[in-house]
N, C-alpha and C. Protein backbone atom coordinates (compact mmCIF):
# COMPACT_ATOMS: atom_id res chain seq x y z
N MET A 1 115.72 100.88 101.89
CA MET A 1 114.59 101.36 101.13
C MET A 1 113.86 102.56 102.28
N LYS A 2 113.60 103.54 101.76
CA LYS A 2 113.06 104.44 102.24
C LYS A 2 111.60 104.07 102.80
N GLU A 3 111.09 104.50 104.24
CA GLU A 3 109.98 104.11 104.51
C GLU A 3 108.58 104.43 103.45
N GLU A 4 108.87 105.74 102.92
CA GLU A 4 107.79 106.30 102.09
C GLU A 4 107.57 105.26 100.95
N ARG A 5 108.52 105.01 100.50
CA ARG A 5 108.73 103.70 99.15
C ARG A 5 108.10 102.57 99.71
N ILE A 6 108.20 102.31 100.89
CA ILE A 6 107.48 101.02 101.34
C ILE A 6 106.27 101.18 101.51
N LYS A 7 105.82 101.97 102.10
CA LYS A 7 104.19 102.39 102.30
C LYS A 7 103.54 102.31 101.06
N GLN A 8 104.60 103.26 99.84
CA GLN A 8 103.59 103.15 98.72
C GLN A 8 103.42 101.48 97.84
N ILE A 9 104.53 101.03 98.25
CA ILE A 9 104.62 99.46 97.55
C ILE A 9 103.36 98.77 98.50
N ARG A 10 103.34 98.89 99.49
CA ARG A 10 102.46 98.17 100.56
C ARG A 10 100.88 98.48 100.28
N ASN A 11 100.97 99.82 99.92
CA ASN A 11 99.39 100.45 99.70
C ASN A 11 99.20 99.81 98.19
N SER A 12 99.79 99.80 97.42
CA SER A 12 99.69 99.16 96.08
C SER A 12 99.02 97.83 96.24
N ILE A 13 99.97 97.18 96.75
CA ILE A 13 99.66 95.83 97.00
C ILE A 13 98.00 95.56 97.28
N ASN A 14 97.87 96.02 98.57
CA ASN A 14 96.49 96.04 99.39
C ASN A 14 95.39 96.77 98.34
N SER A 15 95.58 97.60 97.73
CA SER A 15 94.61 98.24 96.46
C SER A 15 94.46 97.25 95.46
N GLN A 16 95.37 96.37 95.08
CA GLN A 16 95.26 95.53 93.89
C GLN A 16 94.54 94.45 94.35
N ILE A 17 94.77 94.00 95.64
CA ILE A 17 93.95 92.58 96.37
C ILE A 17 92.66 93.08 96.43
N LYS A 18 92.44 94.26 96.98
CA LYS A 18 91.16 94.50 97.18
C LYS A 18 90.34 94.57 95.76
N GLN A 19 90.83 95.23 94.82
CA GLN A 19 90.28 95.62 93.49
C GLN A 19 90.53 94.24 92.48
N LYS A 20 91.33 93.48 92.40
CA LYS A 20 91.13 92.27 91.72
C LYS A 20 91.63 91.03 92.29
N GLY A 21 91.93 90.78 93.34
CA GLY A 21 92.12 89.78 94.10
C GLY A 21 93.60 89.14 93.85
N PHE A 22 94.47 89.86 93.02
CA PHE A 22 95.84 89.49 92.85
C PHE A 22 96.54 90.61 92.59
N VAL A 23 98.20 90.14 92.55
CA VAL A 23 99.02 91.45 92.78
C VAL A 23 99.97 91.27 91.40
N THR A 24 100.56 92.31 90.85
CA THR A 24 101.42 92.18 89.63
C THR A 24 102.44 92.90 90.03
N VAL A 25 103.72 92.49 89.78
CA VAL A 25 104.66 93.45 89.77
C VAL A 25 104.41 94.67 88.79
N VAL A 26 104.21 94.73 87.74
CA VAL A 26 104.00 95.84 86.84
C VAL A 26 103.11 97.00 87.21
N ASP A 27 101.84 96.45 87.81
CA ASP A 27 100.81 97.24 88.34
C ASP A 27 101.57 97.95 89.52
N THR A 28 102.27 97.34 90.30
CA THR A 28 103.06 97.98 91.31
C THR A 28 104.12 98.83 91.08
N PHE A 29 104.66 98.62 89.75
CA PHE A 29 105.86 99.66 89.33
C PHE A 29 105.22 100.93 88.75
N ILE A 30 104.02 100.63 88.24
CA ILE A 30 103.22 101.91 87.86
C ILE A 30 102.75 102.79 89.06
N ASP A 31 102.16 101.85 90.22
CA ASP A 31 101.18 102.46 91.14
C ASP A 31 102.40 103.61 91.75
N VAL A 32 103.85 103.11 91.86
CA VAL A 32 104.74 104.03 92.65
C VAL A 32 105.66 104.61 91.94
N GLY A 33 105.26 104.87 90.60
CA GLY A 33 105.81 105.90 89.37
C GLY A 33 106.94 105.38 88.99
N ILE A 34 107.20 103.95 89.21
CA ILE A 34 108.47 103.56 88.20
C ILE A 34 108.49 103.13 87.00
N LEU A 35 107.10 102.93 86.59
CA LEU A 35 106.78 102.76 85.00
C LEU A 35 105.73 103.57 84.94
N ASP A 36 105.80 104.19 83.36
CA ASP A 36 104.65 104.84 83.02
C ASP A 36 103.88 103.85 82.32
N LYS A 37 102.29 104.01 82.62
CA LYS A 37 101.34 103.33 81.81
C LYS A 37 101.56 103.20 80.14
N GLU A 38 101.85 104.06 79.88
CA GLU A 38 102.25 104.55 78.23
C GLU A 38 102.88 103.50 77.90
N ASN A 39 104.27 103.71 78.59
CA ASN A 39 105.38 102.73 78.06
C ASN A 39 105.11 101.19 78.39
N TYR A 40 104.22 100.92 79.50
CA TYR A 40 103.82 99.39 79.52
C TYR A 40 103.29 98.91 78.47
N GLU A 41 102.53 99.88 77.95
CA GLU A 41 101.59 99.48 76.88
C GLU A 41 102.27 99.32 75.46
N LYS A 42 103.01 100.07 75.38
CA LYS A 42 104.22 99.77 74.12
C LYS A 42 105.00 98.56 74.29
N TRP A 43 105.47 98.26 75.65
CA TRP A 43 105.87 97.26 75.91
C TRP A 43 105.12 95.96 75.57
N ARG A 44 104.08 96.09 76.05
CA ARG A 44 103.01 94.82 75.51
C ARG A 44 102.84 94.74 74.18
N GLU A 45 102.86 95.91 73.28
CA GLU A 45 102.67 95.88 71.98
C GLU A 45 103.94 95.52 70.96
N GLY A 46 105.39 95.21 71.77
CA GLY A 46 106.54 94.69 71.49
C GLY A 46 107.09 95.99 70.80
N GLN A 47 106.79 96.65 70.78
CA GLN A 47 107.52 98.28 70.61
C GLN A 47 109.06 98.37 71.55
N ILE A 48 109.00 97.98 72.47
CA ILE A 48 109.98 98.06 73.62
C ILE A 48 110.67 96.70 73.96
N ILE A 49 111.81 96.56 73.42
CA ILE A 49 112.54 95.30 73.55
C ILE A 49 112.53 94.37 75.06
N TYR A 50 112.97 94.98 75.93
CA TYR A 50 112.64 94.88 77.37
C TYR A 50 112.41 96.24 78.62
N LEU A 51 111.23 95.67 79.23
CA LEU A 51 110.78 96.72 80.53
C LEU A 51 111.94 97.19 81.06
N GLU A 52 112.64 96.62 81.46
CA GLU A 52 113.80 97.46 82.55
C GLU A 52 114.08 98.83 81.81
N LYS A 53 114.21 98.53 80.71
CA LYS A 53 114.62 99.91 79.78
C LYS A 53 113.95 101.19 79.85
N VAL A 54 112.67 100.78 80.09
CA VAL A 54 111.69 102.18 80.28
C VAL A 54 111.40 102.41 82.00
N CYS A 55 112.05 101.55 82.79
CA CYS A 55 111.56 102.02 84.36
C CYS A 55 112.37 103.14 84.68
N LYS A 56 111.74 103.49 85.65
CA LYS A 56 112.82 104.75 86.02
C LYS A 56 113.49 104.31 87.55
N GLY A 57 114.79 104.78 87.15
CA GLY A 57 115.55 103.90 88.37
C GLY A 57 116.47 103.02 87.87
N ASN A 58 117.72 102.62 88.76
CA ASN A 58 118.42 101.98 88.26
C ASN A 58 118.22 100.23 88.70
N LEU A 59 118.99 99.23 88.51
CA LEU A 59 118.67 98.00 88.75
C LEU A 59 118.64 97.72 90.16
N ASN A 60 119.47 98.56 90.87
CA ASN A 60 119.36 98.00 92.52
C ASN A 60 117.95 98.70 92.69
N LYS A 61 117.64 99.50 92.40
CA LYS A 61 116.27 100.29 92.98
C LYS A 61 115.02 99.32 92.31
N LEU A 62 115.08 98.72 91.38
CA LEU A 62 114.19 97.87 90.95
C LEU A 62 114.40 96.42 91.67
N SER A 63 115.26 96.28 91.95
CA SER A 63 115.59 94.95 92.87
C SER A 63 114.92 94.89 94.32
N GLU A 64 115.32 96.28 94.75
CA GLU A 64 114.51 96.66 96.16
C GLU A 64 113.40 96.70 96.05
N ILE A 65 112.69 96.95 95.05
CA ILE A 65 111.11 97.03 94.94
C ILE A 65 110.44 95.97 94.80
N LEU A 66 111.28 94.93 93.93
CA LEU A 66 110.88 93.58 94.03
C LEU A 66 111.18 92.75 95.33
N LYS A 67 111.98 93.08 95.99
CA LYS A 67 112.05 92.31 97.18
C LYS A 67 111.09 92.55 98.22
N GLU A 68 110.75 93.94 98.06
CA GLU A 68 109.71 94.39 99.23
C GLU A 68 108.25 93.90 98.68
N ILE A 69 108.05 93.41 97.32
CA ILE A 69 107.01 93.12 96.77
C ILE A 69 106.67 91.51 97.32
N TYR A 70 107.76 90.80 97.34
CA TYR A 70 107.87 89.43 97.42
C TYR A 70 107.91 89.29 99.07
N LYS A 71 108.31 90.11 99.95
CA LYS A 71 108.41 90.02 101.22
C LYS A 71 106.96 90.37 101.75
N TYR A 72 106.33 91.41 101.06
CA TYR A 72 104.87 91.49 101.96
C TYR A 72 103.89 90.79 101.22
N SER A 73 104.07 90.21 100.01
CA SER A 73 103.24 89.19 99.75
C SER A 73 103.43 87.61 100.71
N LYS A 74 104.31 87.83 100.99
CA LYS A 74 104.48 86.46 101.74
C LYS A 74 103.98 86.70 103.49
N GLU A 75 104.05 88.08 103.72
CA GLU A 75 103.67 88.35 104.62
C GLU A 75 102.14 88.23 104.98
N LEU A 76 101.51 88.38 103.55
CA LEU A 76 100.10 88.22 103.45
C LEU A 76 99.39 87.06 103.32
N ASN A 77 100.60 85.91 103.15
CA ASN A 77 100.26 84.72 102.80
C ASN A 77 99.32 84.66 101.20
N LEU A 78 99.95 85.25 100.53
CA LEU A 78 99.68 85.64 99.00
C LEU A 78 100.40 84.26 98.56
N LYS A 79 99.73 83.58 97.36
CA LYS A 79 100.27 82.37 96.64
C LYS A 79 101.08 83.04 95.33
N GLU A 80 102.49 82.57 95.05
CA GLU A 80 103.09 82.93 93.91
C GLU A 80 102.40 82.12 92.64
N ASN A 81 102.09 83.13 91.47
CA ASN A 81 101.71 82.13 90.54
C ASN A 81 102.55 82.62 88.98
N TYR A 82 103.41 81.97 88.45
CA TYR A 82 104.31 82.39 87.55
C TYR A 82 103.13 82.60 86.30
N THR A 83 103.48 83.80 85.59
CA THR A 83 102.30 84.10 84.55
C THR A 83 103.35 84.49 83.17
N PHE A 84 102.76 83.91 82.44
CA PHE A 84 103.36 83.96 80.68
C PHE A 84 102.98 85.30 80.27
N TYR A 85 103.87 86.52 79.95
CA TYR A 85 103.37 87.73 79.50
C TYR A 85 103.69 87.22 78.15
N LYS A 86 102.46 88.03 77.04
CA LYS A 86 103.07 87.72 75.98
C LYS A 86 102.32 89.13 75.09
N LYS A 87 103.04 89.24 73.84
CA LYS A 87 102.74 90.35 73.05
C LYS A 87 101.28 90.68 72.86
N TYR A 88 100.50 91.79 72.82
CA TYR A 88 99.30 91.81 72.46
C TYR A 88 99.03 91.58 71.14
N GLY A 89 97.96 90.75 70.64
CA GLY A 89 97.80 90.16 69.31
C GLY A 89 97.40 88.99 69.25
N LYS A 90 97.54 88.31 68.11
CA LYS A 90 97.60 87.20 67.59
C LYS A 90 99.03 86.55 67.89
N GLY A 91 99.29 85.12 68.42
CA GLY A 91 100.53 84.67 68.25
C GLY A 91 100.67 84.84 69.84
N LYS A 92 102.03 84.12 70.13
CA LYS A 92 102.53 83.88 71.43
C LYS A 92 103.85 84.16 71.55
N VAL A 93 104.19 85.69 71.42
CA VAL A 93 105.79 86.27 71.50
C VAL A 93 105.66 86.74 72.76
N LYS A 94 106.63 85.88 73.31
CA LYS A 94 106.97 85.87 74.79
C LYS A 94 107.63 87.38 74.85
N LEU A 95 107.22 88.12 75.71
CA LEU A 95 107.90 89.50 76.43
C LEU A 95 109.25 89.75 77.08
N ARG A 96 110.08 90.11 77.24
CA ARG A 96 110.95 89.95 78.15
C ARG A 96 111.00 91.32 79.17
N PHE A 97 111.40 91.01 80.27
CA PHE A 97 111.44 91.99 81.24
C PHE A 97 112.68 92.73 81.52
N SER A 98 113.66 91.94 81.20
CA SER A 98 115.42 92.27 81.54
C SER A 98 116.04 92.26 80.45
N LYS A 99 116.87 92.93 80.67
CA LYS A 99 118.34 93.16 79.77
C LYS A 99 118.83 91.74 79.19
N LEU A 100 119.39 91.14 80.35
CA LEU A 100 119.65 89.86 80.21
C LEU A 100 118.86 88.75 80.18
N GLY A 101 117.74 88.70 80.26
CA GLY A 101 116.73 87.64 79.84
C GLY A 101 116.88 86.47 80.46
N LYS A 102 117.29 86.53 81.54
CA LYS A 102 117.39 85.16 82.41
C LYS A 102 116.39 84.63 83.22
N ASP A 103 116.36 83.48 83.05
CA ASP A 103 114.84 82.64 83.67
C ASP A 103 114.34 83.30 84.80
N ASN A 104 115.62 83.23 85.81
CA ASN A 104 115.17 83.33 87.36
C ASN A 104 114.67 85.31 87.04
N ILE A 105 115.47 85.83 86.60
CA ILE A 105 114.80 87.16 86.39
C ILE A 105 113.93 87.58 85.98
N GLU A 106 113.28 86.96 84.97
CA GLU A 106 112.35 87.15 84.14
C GLU A 106 110.91 86.47 85.22
N LYS A 107 111.23 85.26 85.80
CA LYS A 107 110.22 85.00 86.68
C LYS A 107 109.73 85.83 87.74
N ARG A 108 110.96 86.22 88.14
CA ARG A 108 110.99 87.56 89.60
C ARG A 108 109.71 88.41 88.96
N TYR A 109 109.98 88.99 87.88
CA TYR A 109 109.08 90.12 87.39
C TYR A 109 107.64 89.43 86.87
N SER A 110 107.55 88.48 86.27
CA SER A 110 106.37 88.26 85.82
C SER A 110 105.56 87.29 86.95
N THR A 111 105.92 87.08 87.93
CA THR A 111 104.99 86.29 88.86
C THR A 111 103.93 87.07 89.71
N HIS A 112 102.87 86.50 89.71
CA HIS A 112 101.72 87.39 90.04
C HIS A 112 101.19 86.61 91.57
N PHE A 113 100.84 87.49 92.53
CA PHE A 113 100.30 87.05 94.06
C PHE A 113 99.15 86.80 94.11
N ILE A 114 98.55 85.74 94.46
CA ILE A 114 97.16 85.40 94.40
C ILE A 114 96.57 85.03 95.87
N MET A 115 95.37 85.29 96.20
CA MET A 115 94.82 84.99 97.58
C MET A 115 94.72 83.62 97.42
N LYS A 116 95.27 82.91 98.60
CA LYS A 116 94.90 81.26 98.55
C LYS A 116 93.56 81.17 99.14
N ASN A 117 93.01 80.45 98.75
CA ASN A 117 91.65 79.72 99.12
C ASN A 117 91.61 79.14 100.30
C-alpha cells in the first residue's frame, strides 16, 4: 500500500479517536474517499443491498485498507468491539457489507475499535 494511503488511514483513525473515542471502518472509508457519505446513507436506509457495491476500488484495495485499520488500531491498543449494523427505522433488519455475506467478512467490516479503560 502506498505511504500516502497509510497516512490518510492513520489520520482518520486519530481524528475519530479524538472526536468520539472510537473508530469505525465505514468512517475511515468515508475519510479516505473510498465511500461517499450519500451512498453510506442509502445503504443504511436499505436502498443498497451490500456496502462493497458502492465502495470505490476493488476488493483487494478494500482488504488492504481493512488490514491497515486493524494493524494501526492494534498498535494504539484499541479494543475490538463487534457492532450490529441495522437499517435505519423500526425493526432490526441487519445490513450486509459484502457480496458474499460470510460471517468472518461481515465481522471485519462491522467491528469498531474503542479506547481501553
